[in-house]
Amino acid sequence: MDINRINTILNNDEKFDVFYENRPVWIQGVNDNIAKIGFVDNFEERDVFINDLYERKL
C-alpha cells in the first residue's frame, strides 16, 4: 500500500478491509512512511511501514 491509498482510506467514510500479516487492522494515523495501526481482533497497537499494509482482493 502507498501513502496516497492510505490518505484515501483515512479521508473516506466507507469501510475498507486493510490487513497486516493476515490480520485485519484499522489505521489510526500516519507519520511519513509509518502507520499506527490497531488490530480488529484485540487491543494491540503497532507502528508498521505503510508498504506492509494491504487490502484483500475479492
Protein backbone atom coordinates (compact mmCIF):
# COMPACT_ATOMS: atom_id res chain seq x y z
CA MET A 1 0.00 0.00 0.00
CA ASP A 2 1.19 3.55 -0.57
CA ILE A 3 0.62 6.89 1.16
CA ASN A 4 -1.96 8.03 -1.43
CA ARG A 5 -4.13 4.97 -0.80
CA ILE A 6 -3.80 5.40 2.98
CA ASN A 7 -4.95 9.02 2.67
CA THR A 8 -7.92 7.94 0.56
CA ILE A 9 -8.93 5.40 3.20
CA LEU A 10 -8.48 7.85 6.09
CA ASN A 11 -10.49 10.59 4.35
CA ASN A 12 -13.41 8.35 3.34
CA ASP A 13 -16.46 7.25 5.31
CA GLU A 14 -16.60 3.87 3.57
CA LYS A 15 -15.30 0.69 5.20
CA PHE A 16 -12.11 -0.77 3.77
CA ASP A 17 -10.62 -4.17 4.59
CA VAL A 18 -7.00 -3.44 5.47
CA PHE A 19 -4.65 -6.18 6.71
CA TYR A 20 -1.24 -6.61 8.27
CA GLU A 21 0.24 -10.11 8.48
CA ASN A 22 -3.13 -11.68 7.60
CA ARG A 23 -4.87 -9.85 10.47
CA PRO A 24 -7.49 -7.14 9.96
CA VAL A 25 -6.43 -3.70 11.20
CA TRP A 26 -7.66 -0.16 11.39
CA ILE A 27 -5.35 2.73 10.64
CA GLN A 28 -5.11 5.23 13.48
CA GLY A 29 -2.71 7.65 11.81
CA VAL A 30 0.27 8.09 9.54
CA ASN A 31 3.63 9.79 10.05
CA ASP A 32 5.89 9.76 6.97
CA ASN A 33 6.08 6.08 5.92
CA ILE A 34 4.94 4.66 9.29
CA ALA A 35 1.31 3.89 10.12
CA LYS A 36 -0.03 3.42 13.63
CA ILE A 37 -2.48 0.53 13.44
CA GLY A 38 -4.81 -1.24 15.81
CA PHE A 39 -5.79 -4.86 15.37
CA VAL A 40 -9.51 -5.51 15.00
CA ASP A 41 -9.38 -8.76 16.98
CA ASN A 42 -7.80 -7.29 20.16
CA PHE A 43 -6.45 -4.08 21.72
CA GLU A 44 -2.91 -4.45 20.39
CA GLU A 45 -1.42 -1.43 18.60
CA ARG A 46 1.71 -1.30 16.50
CA ASP A 47 3.72 1.06 14.29
CA VAL A 48 4.34 -0.52 10.88
CA PHE A 49 5.62 0.53 7.48
CA ILE A 50 2.75 1.52 5.19
CA ASN A 51 4.21 -0.76 2.49
CA ASP A 52 3.45 -3.74 4.74
CA LEU A 53 -0.30 -2.97 4.80
CA TYR A 54 -2.55 -4.39 2.11
CA GLU A 55 -6.15 -4.75 1.07
CA ARG A 56 -7.60 -8.16 0.43
CA LYS A 57 -8.63 -8.74 -3.16
CA LEU A 58 -12.04 -10.37 -3.54
